[in-house]
Amino acid sequence: MGLANISKINVHIRVLTINSVENKCDSGRKYHAKLLSQKNSFENAMNCATFLHMSFSLLRFTLYITGLFIVAIGASIYLFGIFPIVQFAAPLADILLGDISPLDHLNHADIDSEMRFLAIFYVAYGMIILNTASDLRRRMHRIPMLVAVVLLGALGRGISIYFNGAPHGIMLILLSLEIAVPLFILMLQQRAKHRLF
């Protein structure tokens, strides 16, 4: 075999070796890129799962707080009547709205009787919310109905304002809560229901 042939073979071997190394490097880069992409996908999935879990936890917490508040208000009205409750809340209306109008008209036997009767429905509604929160994964479907009940009540307040004028500031504060809290709960429910259980 001639020297020229040996040189050609050496060059050919070097080219094959270089091509093989480049192919391995290219494969390594592709593999590394694939791993990086999988890692990013995993991190994105984890971030999404964490966000959804936070929405679910915040929804459950909000339902517990709302349910306890409604039960406490209903039980207080049932036991003590409406007048002491609104007297307790009157300074809040004064601070927020500057409404210092008297509430003596609520200290009447007819109103007290009606409010004590209705208070038990507040307690029942609050208990349904607490029951929903206690097993939220299976009972989340109740939330739109629970929200609708309060929003319809708020609409009733709006109809009263239209026909009879603005009530005491406490009622306006309640109206704003009866709109804001249910909509916040509904927003959390829409986010949390997409969570994979």
N, C-alpha and C. Protein backbone atom coordinates (compact mmCIF):
# COMPACT_ATOMS: atom_id res chain seq x y z
N MET A 1 0.86 -1.16 0.00
CA MET A 1 0.00 0.00 0.00
C MET A 1 0.91 1.22 0.00
N GLY A 2 0.56 2.19 -0.83
CA GLY A 2 1.41 3.36 -0.97
C GLY A 2 1.17 4.36 0.14
N LEU A 3 2.17 5.25 0.23
CA LEU A 3 2.11 6.30 1.24
C LEU A 3 0.92 7.21 1.00
N ALA A 4 0.59 7.45 -0.25
CA ALA A 4 -0.54 8.33 -0.59
C ALA A 4 -1.84 7.71 -0.11
N ASN A 5 -1.97 6.38 -0.28
CA ASN A 5 -3.19 5.70 0.16
C ASN A 5 -3.33 5.74 1.68
N ILE A 6 -2.20 5.58 2.38
CA ILE A 6 -2.23 5.63 3.85
C ILE A 6 -2.65 7.02 4.31
N SER A 7 -2.16 8.06 3.66
CA SER A 7 -2.54 9.44 4.00
C SER A 7 -4.02 9.65 3.78
N LYS A 8 -4.53 9.12 2.63
CA LYS A 8 -5.96 9.26 2.34
C LYS A 8 -6.80 8.57 3.40
N ILE A 9 -6.34 7.37 3.81
CA ILE A 9 -7.07 6.61 4.84
C ILE A 9 -7.06 7.39 6.16
N ASN A 10 -5.89 7.95 6.53
CA ASN A 10 -5.80 8.74 7.77
C ASN A 10 -6.74 9.96 7.72
N VAL A 11 -6.77 10.65 6.57
CA VAL A 11 -7.64 11.81 6.43
C VAL A 11 -9.10 11.38 6.53
N HIS A 12 -9.42 10.26 5.88
CA HIS A 12 -10.78 9.75 5.91
C HIS A 12 -11.19 9.38 7.35
N ILE A 13 -10.29 8.73 8.08
CA ILE A 13 -10.55 8.36 9.49
C ILE A 13 -10.76 9.61 10.33
N ARG A 14 -9.91 10.63 10.10
CA ARG A 14 -10.04 11.88 10.86
C ARG A 14 -11.39 12.55 10.57
N VAL A 15 -11.79 12.59 9.30
CA VAL A 15 -13.08 13.19 8.93
C VAL A 15 -14.21 12.43 9.59
N LEU A 16 -14.16 11.09 9.55
CA LEU A 16 -15.19 10.27 10.19
C LEU A 16 -15.23 10.53 11.70
N THR A 17 -14.03 10.62 12.29
CA THR A 17 -13.95 10.88 13.74
C THR A 17 -14.54 12.24 14.07
N ILE A 18 -14.17 13.26 13.29
CA ILE A 18 -14.70 14.61 13.53
C ILE A 18 -16.21 14.62 13.36
N ASN A 19 -16.71 13.98 12.28
CA ASN A 19 -18.16 13.91 12.05
C ASN A 19 -18.85 13.18 13.20
N SER A 20 -18.23 12.11 13.68
CA SER A 20 -18.82 11.35 14.78
C SER A 20 -18.89 12.19 16.04
N VAL A 21 -17.79 12.92 16.33
CA VAL A 21 -17.77 13.79 17.52
C VAL A 21 -18.82 14.89 17.38
N GLU A 22 -18.90 15.50 16.17
CA GLU A 22 -19.90 16.56 15.96
C GLU A 22 -21.32 16.03 16.11
N ASN A 23 -21.55 14.82 15.58
CA ASN A 23 -22.87 14.20 15.73
C ASN A 23 -23.20 13.95 17.20
N LYS A 24 -22.18 13.46 17.94
CA LYS A 24 -22.40 13.21 19.36
C LYS A 24 -22.67 14.53 20.10
N CYS A 25 -21.91 15.57 19.75
CA CYS A 25 -22.12 16.88 20.37
C CYS A 25 -23.51 17.41 20.03
N ASP A 26 -23.88 17.25 18.74
CA ASP A 26 -25.19 17.72 18.32
C ASP A 26 -26.29 16.94 19.04
N SER A 27 -26.11 15.63 19.16
CA SER A 27 -27.08 14.81 19.89
C SER A 27 -27.14 15.24 21.35
N GLY A 28 -25.97 15.51 21.92
CA GLY A 28 -25.91 15.96 23.31
C GLY A 28 -26.63 17.28 23.51
N ARG A 29 -26.42 18.21 22.55
CA ARG A 29 -27.10 19.50 22.64
C ARG A 29 -28.62 19.32 22.55
N LYS A 30 -29.05 18.46 21.60
CA LYS A 30 -30.48 18.21 21.46
C LYS A 30 -31.05 17.56 22.72
N TYR A 31 -30.32 16.62 23.27
CA TYR A 31 -30.77 15.93 24.49
C TYR A 31 -30.85 16.93 25.64
N HIS A 32 -29.82 17.79 25.75
CA HIS A 32 -29.81 18.80 26.80
C HIS A 32 -30.98 19.77 26.63
N ALA A 33 -31.23 20.17 25.39
CA ALA A 33 -32.35 21.07 25.11
C ALA A 33 -33.68 20.40 25.47
N LYS A 34 -33.80 19.11 25.17
CA LYS A 34 -35.01 18.36 25.50
C LYS A 34 -35.20 18.29 27.01
N LEU A 35 -34.11 17.99 27.73
CA LEU A 35 -34.19 17.96 29.20
C LEU A 35 -34.58 19.31 29.76
N LEU A 36 -33.99 20.37 29.22
CA LEU A 36 -34.29 21.73 29.67
C LEU A 36 -35.76 22.07 29.41
N SER A 37 -36.24 21.65 28.23
CA SER A 37 -37.64 21.90 27.89
C SER A 37 -38.57 21.14 28.83
N GLN A 38 -38.22 19.88 29.14
CA GLN A 38 -39.03 19.09 30.07
C GLN A 38 -39.01 19.71 31.46
N LYS A 39 -37.83 20.21 31.86
CA LYS A 39 -37.72 20.85 33.17
C LYS A 39 -38.59 22.10 33.23
N ASN A 40 -38.53 22.91 32.15
CA ASN A 40 -39.36 24.12 32.10
C ASN A 40 -40.84 23.78 32.11
N SER A 41 -41.21 22.73 31.36
CA SER A 41 -42.61 22.30 31.34
C SER A 41 -43.05 21.84 32.72
N PHE A 42 -42.18 21.09 33.39
CA PHE A 42 -42.48 20.61 34.74
C PHE A 42 -42.63 21.78 35.71
N GLU A 43 -41.68 22.75 35.61
CA GLU A 43 -41.76 23.92 36.49
C GLU A 43 -43.02 24.72 36.22
N ASN A 44 -43.38 24.87 34.93
CA ASN A 44 -44.62 25.58 34.60
C ASN A 44 -45.84 24.85 35.14
N ALA A 45 -45.83 23.54 35.01
CA ALA A 45 -46.94 22.74 35.54
C ALA A 45 -47.02 22.87 37.06
N MET A 46 -45.87 22.85 37.72
CA MET A 46 -45.84 22.99 39.18
C MET A 46 -46.34 24.38 39.59
N ASN A 47 -45.91 25.41 38.86
CA ASN A 47 -46.37 26.77 39.18
C ASN A 47 -47.88 26.88 39.00
N CYS A 48 -48.39 26.28 37.93
CA CYS A 48 -49.82 26.30 37.66
C CYS A 48 -50.58 25.54 38.75
N ALA A 49 -50.06 24.37 39.13
CA ALA A 49 -50.69 23.57 40.18
C ALA A 49 -50.67 24.31 41.50
N THR A 50 -49.56 25.00 41.79
CA THR A 50 -49.47 25.77 43.02
C THR A 50 -50.48 26.90 43.03
N PHE A 51 -50.60 27.60 41.89
CA PHE A 51 -51.58 28.69 41.78
C PHE A 51 -53.00 28.17 41.98
N LEU A 52 -53.31 27.03 41.33
CA LEU A 52 -54.65 26.47 41.46
C LEU A 52 -54.91 25.99 42.88
N HIS A 53 -53.89 25.41 43.51
CA HIS A 53 -54.04 24.97 44.91
C HIS A 53 -54.28 26.17 45.82
N MET A 54 -53.57 27.28 45.55
CA MET A 54 -53.78 28.49 46.35
C MET A 54 -55.20 29.02 46.15
N SER A 55 -55.71 29.00 44.92
CA SER A 55 -57.08 29.44 44.66
C SER A 55 -58.07 28.56 45.40
N PHE A 56 -57.83 27.25 45.38
CA PHE A 56 -58.70 26.30 46.07
C PHE A 56 -58.68 26.56 47.58
N SER A 57 -57.48 26.74 48.14
CA SER A 57 -57.36 26.98 49.58
C SER A 57 -57.98 28.32 49.97
N LEU A 58 -57.76 29.34 49.16
CA LEU A 58 -58.35 30.65 49.44
C LEU A 58 -59.87 30.59 49.35
N LEU A 59 -60.39 29.84 48.40
CA LEU A 59 -61.84 29.67 48.27
C LEU A 59 -62.40 29.00 49.52
N ARG A 60 -61.78 27.92 49.95
CA ARG A 60 -62.26 27.22 51.15
C ARG A 60 -62.20 28.13 52.37
N PHE A 61 -61.09 28.86 52.53
CA PHE A 61 -60.94 29.79 53.65
C PHE A 61 -62.02 30.87 53.62
N THR A 62 -62.26 31.44 52.43
CA THR A 62 -63.27 32.49 52.28
C THR A 62 -64.67 31.96 52.61
N LEU A 63 -64.95 30.74 52.19
CA LEU A 63 -66.25 30.14 52.50
C LEU A 63 -66.41 29.92 54.00
N TYR A 64 -65.35 29.44 54.65
CA TYR A 64 -65.43 29.22 56.10
C TYR A 64 -65.68 30.55 56.83
N ILE A 65 -64.92 31.59 56.47
CA ILE A 65 -65.08 32.89 57.14
C ILE A 65 -66.48 33.45 56.88
N THR A 66 -66.94 33.38 55.62
CA THR A 66 -68.26 33.89 55.27
C THR A 66 -69.36 33.12 56.00
N GLY A 67 -69.24 31.80 55.99
CA GLY A 67 -70.25 30.97 56.67
C GLY A 67 -70.31 31.25 58.16
N LEU A 68 -69.15 31.34 58.81
CA LEU A 68 -69.12 31.63 60.24
C LEU A 68 -69.70 33.01 60.54
N PHE A 69 -69.38 33.99 59.70
CA PHE A 69 -69.90 35.35 59.89
C PHE A 69 -71.43 35.36 59.78
N ILE A 70 -71.97 34.69 58.77
CA ILE A 70 -73.43 34.67 58.58
C ILE A 70 -74.12 33.93 59.72
N VAL A 71 -73.54 32.81 60.16
CA VAL A 71 -74.12 32.08 61.30
C VAL A 71 -74.10 32.96 62.55
N ALA A 72 -72.98 33.66 62.78
CA ALA A 72 -72.87 34.51 63.97
C ALA A 72 -73.88 35.65 63.93
N ILE A 73 -74.04 36.29 62.76
CA ILE A 73 -75.01 37.38 62.63
C ILE A 73 -76.43 36.85 62.85
N GLY A 74 -76.75 35.74 62.20
CA GLY A 74 -78.10 35.16 62.35
C GLY A 74 -78.39 34.76 63.79
N ALA A 75 -77.43 34.11 64.45
CA ALA A 75 -77.63 33.70 65.84
C ALA A 75 -77.76 34.91 66.75
N SER A 76 -76.99 35.95 66.49
CA SER A 76 -77.05 37.17 67.31
C SER A 76 -78.41 37.85 67.18
N ILE A 77 -78.91 37.95 65.95
CA ILE A 77 -80.24 38.55 65.73
C ILE A 77 -81.32 37.71 66.40
N TYR A 78 -81.18 36.38 66.28
CA TYR A 78 -82.16 35.47 66.87
C TYR A 78 -82.20 35.61 68.39
N LEU A 79 -81.03 35.72 69.01
CA LEU A 79 -80.94 35.76 70.47
C LEU A 79 -81.17 37.15 71.06
N PHE A 80 -80.65 38.18 70.39
CA PHE A 80 -80.66 39.52 70.99
C PHE A 80 -81.55 40.52 70.25
N GLY A 81 -82.03 40.16 69.07
CA GLY A 81 -82.84 41.09 68.29
C GLY A 81 -81.98 41.92 67.35
N ILE A 82 -82.63 42.63 66.44
CA ILE A 82 -81.91 43.39 65.42
C ILE A 82 -81.35 44.69 65.97
N PHE A 83 -82.05 45.32 66.89
CA PHE A 83 -81.64 46.66 67.33
C PHE A 83 -80.25 46.69 67.96
N PRO A 84 -79.92 45.78 68.89
CA PRO A 84 -78.55 45.81 69.44
C PRO A 84 -77.47 45.56 68.39
N ILE A 85 -77.79 44.75 67.39
CA ILE A 85 -76.81 44.43 66.36
C ILE A 85 -76.52 45.67 65.51
N VAL A 86 -77.56 46.38 65.08
CA VAL A 86 -77.33 47.56 64.25
C VAL A 86 -76.72 48.70 65.06
N GLN A 87 -77.05 48.78 66.36
CA GLN A 87 -76.40 49.79 67.20
C GLN A 87 -74.90 49.52 67.30
N PHE A 88 -74.55 48.26 67.35
CA PHE A 88 -73.13 47.88 67.40
C PHE A 88 -72.43 48.26 66.10
N ALA A 89 -73.14 48.11 64.96
CA ALA A 89 -72.54 48.39 63.64
C ALA A 89 -72.64 49.85 63.23
N ALA A 90 -73.47 50.64 63.92
CA ALA A 90 -73.70 52.04 63.52
C ALA A 90 -72.42 52.87 63.45
N PRO A 91 -71.48 52.73 64.38
CA PRO A 91 -70.24 53.52 64.27
C PRO A 91 -69.47 53.26 62.97
N LEU A 92 -69.57 52.05 62.45
CA LEU A 92 -68.90 51.74 61.18
C LEU A 92 -69.49 52.57 60.04
N ALA A 93 -70.82 52.70 60.02
CA ALA A 93 -71.47 53.53 59.00
C ALA A 93 -71.07 54.99 59.17
N ASP A 94 -70.92 55.40 60.42
CA ASP A 94 -70.52 56.79 60.69
C ASP A 94 -69.10 57.04 60.17
N ILE A 95 -68.20 56.08 60.42
CA ILE A 95 -66.80 56.23 60.00
C ILE A 95 -66.69 56.19 58.47
N LEU A 96 -67.35 55.22 57.85
CA LEU A 96 -67.19 55.02 56.40
C LEU A 96 -68.01 56.00 55.57
N LEU A 97 -69.22 56.31 56.03
CA LEU A 97 -70.13 57.10 55.20
C LEU A 97 -70.56 58.41 55.84
N GLY A 98 -70.20 58.62 57.09
CA GLY A 98 -70.64 59.83 57.78
C GLY A 98 -72.14 59.83 58.07
N ASP A 99 -72.74 58.63 58.09
CA ASP A 99 -74.18 58.52 58.33
C ASP A 99 -74.42 58.34 59.82
N ILE A 100 -74.95 59.37 60.45
CA ILE A 100 -75.21 59.30 61.90
C ILE A 100 -76.71 59.37 62.18
N SER A 101 -77.54 59.08 61.17
CA SER A 101 -78.98 59.12 61.37
C SER A 101 -79.39 58.06 62.39
N PRO A 102 -80.43 58.33 63.17
CA PRO A 102 -80.83 57.40 64.23
C PRO A 102 -81.42 56.11 63.65
N LEU A 103 -81.34 55.07 64.47
CA LEU A 103 -81.85 53.75 64.07
C LEU A 103 -83.00 53.31 64.96
N ASP A 104 -83.64 54.27 65.64
CA ASP A 104 -84.70 53.93 66.59
C ASP A 104 -85.88 53.22 65.93
N HIS A 105 -86.10 53.48 64.65
CA HIS A 105 -87.22 52.83 63.96
C HIS A 105 -87.07 51.31 63.91
N LEU A 106 -85.85 50.80 64.09
CA LEU A 106 -85.64 49.35 64.10
C LEU A 106 -85.98 48.72 65.45
N ASN A 107 -86.16 49.56 66.46
CA ASN A 107 -86.49 49.07 67.80
C ASN A 107 -88.01 49.03 67.96
N HIS A 108 -88.63 48.19 67.15
CA HIS A 108 -90.08 48.07 67.13
C HIS A 108 -90.43 46.58 67.19
N ALA A 109 -91.52 46.27 67.86
CA ALA A 109 -91.89 44.86 68.07
C ALA A 109 -92.11 44.12 66.75
N ASP A 110 -92.73 44.78 65.76
CA ASP A 110 -93.00 44.12 64.48
C ASP A 110 -91.70 43.77 63.76
N ILE A 111 -90.79 44.73 63.71
CA ILE A 111 -89.51 44.50 63.03
C ILE A 111 -88.69 43.46 63.78
N ASP A 112 -88.68 43.55 65.11
CA ASP A 112 -87.93 42.58 65.92
C ASP A 112 -88.46 41.17 65.70
N SER A 113 -89.77 41.03 65.68
CA SER A 113 -90.38 39.72 65.47
C SER A 113 -90.01 39.15 64.10
N GLU A 114 -90.12 39.99 63.08
CA GLU A 114 -89.82 39.53 61.71
C GLU A 114 -88.35 39.16 61.57
N MET A 115 -87.46 39.98 62.13
CA MET A 115 -86.03 39.72 61.99
C MET A 115 -85.60 38.47 62.75
N ARG A 116 -86.19 38.24 63.92
CA ARG A 116 -85.86 37.00 64.65
C ARG A 116 -86.34 35.77 63.89
N PHE A 117 -87.49 35.90 63.22
CA PHE A 117 -87.97 34.79 62.39
C PHE A 117 -87.01 34.54 61.24
N LEU A 118 -86.61 35.59 60.54
CA LEU A 118 -85.72 35.44 59.38
C LEU A 118 -84.30 35.04 59.77
N ALA A 119 -83.91 35.34 61.01
CA ALA A 119 -82.54 35.06 61.44
C ALA A 119 -82.19 33.59 61.34
N ILE A 120 -83.17 32.72 61.55
CA ILE A 120 -82.89 31.29 61.48
C ILE A 120 -82.51 30.88 60.06
N PHE A 121 -83.03 31.61 59.06
CA PHE A 121 -82.65 31.33 57.68
C PHE A 121 -81.21 31.78 57.41
N TYR A 122 -80.78 32.84 58.07
CA TYR A 122 -79.37 33.25 57.99
C TYR A 122 -78.48 32.13 58.52
N VAL A 123 -78.89 31.62 59.69
CA VAL A 123 -78.10 30.54 60.30
C VAL A 123 -78.05 29.33 59.37
N ALA A 124 -79.21 28.96 58.81
CA ALA A 124 -79.26 27.80 57.91
C ALA A 124 -78.39 28.03 56.68
N TYR A 125 -78.46 29.23 56.11
CA TYR A 125 -77.65 29.55 54.93
C TYR A 125 -76.16 29.48 55.26
N GLY A 126 -75.79 30.03 56.39
CA GLY A 126 -74.39 29.96 56.82
C GLY A 126 -73.93 28.53 57.04
N MET A 127 -74.81 27.68 57.58
CA MET A 127 -74.46 26.27 57.80
C MET A 127 -74.27 25.54 56.47
N ILE A 128 -75.07 25.89 55.47
CA ILE A 128 -74.90 25.28 54.14
C ILE A 128 -73.55 25.69 53.56
N ILE A 129 -73.16 26.94 53.74
CA ILE A 129 -71.85 27.39 53.25
C ILE A 129 -70.74 26.62 53.97
N LEU A 130 -70.85 26.47 55.29
CA LEU A 130 -69.82 25.73 56.05
C LEU A 130 -69.78 24.27 55.61
N ASN A 131 -70.94 23.68 55.36
CA ASN A 131 -71.00 22.30 54.89
C ASN A 131 -70.34 22.17 53.52
N THR A 132 -70.55 23.16 52.67
CA THR A 132 -69.92 23.16 51.34
C THR A 132 -68.41 23.24 51.48
N ALA A 133 -67.93 24.13 52.34
CA ALA A 133 -66.49 24.30 52.53
C ALA A 133 -65.84 23.05 53.13
N SER A 134 -66.58 22.31 53.94
CA SER A 134 -66.00 21.14 54.62
C SER A 134 -65.64 20.02 53.65
N ASP A 135 -66.32 19.93 52.52
CA ASP A 135 -65.98 18.93 51.50
C ASP A 135 -66.09 19.61 50.13
N LEU A 136 -65.23 20.58 49.94
CA LEU A 136 -65.33 21.47 48.78
C LEU A 136 -65.16 20.74 47.47
N ARG A 137 -64.34 19.71 47.45
CA ARG A 137 -64.10 19.02 46.18
C ARG A 137 -65.37 18.39 45.63
N ARG A 138 -66.20 17.85 46.51
CA ARG A 138 -67.44 17.21 46.05
C ARG A 138 -68.61 18.18 45.99
N ARG A 139 -68.52 19.30 46.70
CA ARG A 139 -69.68 20.19 46.81
C ARG A 139 -69.48 21.55 46.15
N MET A 140 -68.43 21.67 45.35
CA MET A 140 -68.15 22.95 44.70
C MET A 140 -69.27 23.37 43.76
N HIS A 141 -70.03 22.41 43.24
CA HIS A 141 -71.12 22.73 42.31
C HIS A 141 -72.22 23.57 42.98
N ARG A 142 -72.25 23.63 44.30
CA ARG A 142 -73.26 24.42 45.01
C ARG A 142 -72.98 25.92 44.94
N ILE A 143 -71.73 26.28 44.71
CA ILE A 143 -71.33 27.68 44.86
C ILE A 143 -72.12 28.64 43.97
N PRO A 144 -72.32 28.37 42.68
CA PRO A 144 -73.11 29.32 41.89
C PRO A 144 -74.51 29.56 42.45
N MET A 145 -75.15 28.52 42.99
CA MET A 145 -76.48 28.68 43.56
C MET A 145 -76.41 29.53 44.85
N LEU A 146 -75.41 29.26 45.67
CA LEU A 146 -75.24 30.04 46.91
C LEU A 146 -74.97 31.51 46.60
N VAL A 147 -74.15 31.74 45.60
CA VAL A 147 -73.84 33.12 45.17
C VAL A 147 -75.10 33.80 44.63
N ALA A 148 -75.87 33.07 43.83
CA ALA A 148 -77.08 33.64 43.22
C ALA A 148 -78.08 34.09 44.27
N VAL A 149 -78.20 33.33 45.36
CA VAL A 149 -79.14 33.70 46.43
C VAL A 149 -78.79 35.07 47.00
N VAL A 150 -77.50 35.28 47.29
CA VAL A 150 -77.10 36.56 47.89
C VAL A 150 -77.22 37.69 46.87
N LEU A 151 -76.85 37.44 45.63
CA LEU A 151 -76.96 38.49 44.62
C LEU A 151 -78.42 38.88 44.37
N LEU A 152 -79.32 37.92 44.43
CA LEU A 152 -80.75 38.25 44.30
C LEU A 152 -81.22 39.08 45.49
N GLY A 153 -80.70 38.76 46.69
CA GLY A 153 -81.01 39.58 47.86
C GLY A 153 -80.50 41.00 47.69
N ALA A 154 -79.30 41.14 47.14
CA ALA A 154 -78.74 42.48 46.88
C ALA A 154 -79.58 43.22 45.85
N LEU A 155 -80.08 42.50 44.86
CA LEU A 155 -80.96 43.11 43.86
C LEU A 155 -82.24 43.62 44.54
N GLY A 156 -82.74 42.86 45.50
CA GLY A 156 -83.91 43.32 46.26
C GLY A 156 -83.64 44.62 47.00
N ARG A 157 -82.45 44.75 47.56
CA ARG A 157 -82.07 46.02 48.20
C ARG A 157 -82.05 47.14 47.16
N GLY A 158 -81.52 46.84 45.99
CA GLY A 158 -81.49 47.85 44.93
C GLY A 158 -82.88 48.30 44.51
N ILE A 159 -83.82 47.34 44.41
CA ILE A 159 -85.20 47.68 44.07
C ILE A 159 -85.81 48.57 45.15
N SER A 160 -85.51 48.25 46.41
CA SER A 160 -86.00 49.08 47.52
C SER A 160 -85.45 50.50 47.44
N ILE A 161 -84.17 50.64 47.11
CA ILE A 161 -83.57 51.97 46.98
C ILE A 161 -84.25 52.75 45.85
N TYR A 162 -84.54 52.07 44.76
CA TYR A 162 -85.18 52.73 43.61
C TYR A 162 -86.56 53.29 43.99
N PHE A 163 -87.34 52.47 44.70
CA PHE A 163 -88.71 52.89 45.01
C PHE A 163 -88.82 53.75 46.27
N ASN A 164 -87.94 53.53 47.25
CA ASN A 164 -88.11 54.19 48.55
C ASN A 164 -86.97 55.11 48.94
N GLY A 165 -85.93 55.21 48.12
CA GLY A 165 -84.81 56.06 48.46
C GLY A 165 -83.74 55.29 49.24
N ALA A 166 -82.65 56.00 49.49
CA ALA A 166 -81.50 55.37 50.15
C ALA A 166 -81.81 55.06 51.61
N PRO A 167 -81.45 53.87 52.07
CA PRO A 167 -81.64 53.52 53.48
C PRO A 167 -80.47 54.06 54.32
N HIS A 168 -80.42 53.64 55.56
CA HIS A 168 -79.32 54.00 56.45
C HIS A 168 -78.00 53.47 55.85
N GLY A 169 -76.91 54.13 56.20
CA GLY A 169 -75.59 53.75 55.68
C GLY A 169 -75.21 52.31 55.94
N ILE A 170 -75.68 51.74 57.05
CA ILE A 170 -75.38 50.32 57.35
C ILE A 170 -75.90 49.43 56.22
N MET A 171 -77.10 49.74 55.73
CA MET A 171 -77.67 48.94 54.65
C MET A 171 -76.86 49.07 53.36
N LEU A 172 -76.30 50.26 53.13
CA LEU A 172 -75.47 50.45 51.94
C LEU A 172 -74.15 49.68 52.05
N ILE A 173 -73.60 49.63 53.26
CA ILE A 173 -72.40 48.83 53.49
C ILE A 173 -72.71 47.36 53.25
N LEU A 174 -73.86 46.90 53.77
CA LEU A 174 -74.25 45.51 53.56
C LEU A 174 -74.46 45.22 52.07
N LEU A 175 -75.06 46.17 51.36
CA LEU A 175 -75.27 45.99 49.92
C LEU A 175 -73.95 45.82 49.19
N SER A 176 -72.96 46.64 49.53
CA SER A 176 -71.67 46.51 48.86
C SER A 176 -71.01 45.16 49.17
N LEU A 177 -71.14 44.69 50.41
CA LEU A 177 -70.59 43.37 50.76
C LEU A 177 -71.35 42.25 50.06
N GLU A 178 -72.66 42.41 49.94
CA GLU A 178 -73.49 41.37 49.31
C GLU A 178 -73.23 41.26 47.80
N ILE A 179 -72.60 42.26 47.24
CA ILE A 179 -72.21 42.19 45.83
C ILE A 179 -70.75 41.73 45.70
N ALA A 180 -69.87 42.33 46.48
CA ALA A 180 -68.43 42.07 46.33
C ALA A 180 -68.04 40.66 46.75
N VAL A 181 -68.49 40.21 47.92
CA VAL A 181 -68.05 38.90 48.43
C VAL A 181 -68.53 37.76 47.54
N PRO A 182 -69.80 37.69 47.15
CA PRO A 182 -70.20 36.60 46.25
C PRO A 182 -69.45 36.58 44.92
N LEU A 183 -69.21 37.76 44.34
CA LEU A 183 -68.47 37.79 43.08
C LEU A 183 -67.04 37.32 43.26
N PHE A 184 -66.42 37.68 44.39
CA PHE A 184 -65.07 37.21 44.70
C PHE A 184 -65.07 35.69 44.86
N ILE A 185 -66.06 35.15 45.56
CA ILE A 185 -66.16 33.70 45.74
C ILE A 185 -66.36 33.00 44.39
N LEU A 186 -67.20 33.57 43.55
CA LEU A 186 -67.44 32.98 42.23
C LEU A 186 -66.18 32.99 41.38
N MET A 187 -65.40 34.06 41.46
CA MET A 187 -64.14 34.13 40.72
C MET A 187 -63.17 33.05 41.21
N LEU A 188 -63.07 32.87 42.52
CA LEU A 188 -62.20 31.83 43.06
C LEU A 188 -62.68 30.45 42.64
N GLN A 189 -63.99 30.26 42.63
CA GLN A 189 -64.53 28.96 42.24
C GLN A 189 -64.20 28.64 40.80
N GLN A 190 -64.29 29.64 39.92
CA GLN A 190 -63.99 29.41 38.51
C GLN A 190 -62.52 29.01 38.32
N ARG A 191 -61.64 29.60 39.13
CA ARG A 191 -60.21 29.23 39.04
C ARG A 191 -59.96 27.87 39.66
N ALA A 192 -60.57 27.62 40.81
CA ALA A 192 -60.27 26.39 41.55
C ALA A 192 -60.89 25.15 40.91
N LYS A 193 -61.98 25.29 40.19
CA LYS A 193 -62.66 24.11 39.64
C LYS A 193 -61.86 23.45 38.53
N HIS A 194 -60.87 24.18 37.96
CA HIS A 194 -60.02 23.61 36.92
C HIS A 194 -58.88 22.80 37.51
N ARG A 195 -58.77 22.80 38.83
CA ARG A 195 -57.69 22.05 39.46
C ARG A 195 -57.95 20.54 39.29
N LEU A 196 -56.91 19.80 39.04
CA LEU A 196 -57.05 18.35 38.91
C LEU A 196 -57.03 17.76 40.30
N PHE A 197 -58.11 17.06 40.66
CA PHE A 197 -58.20 16.48 42.00
C PHE A 197 -57.58 15.10 41.97
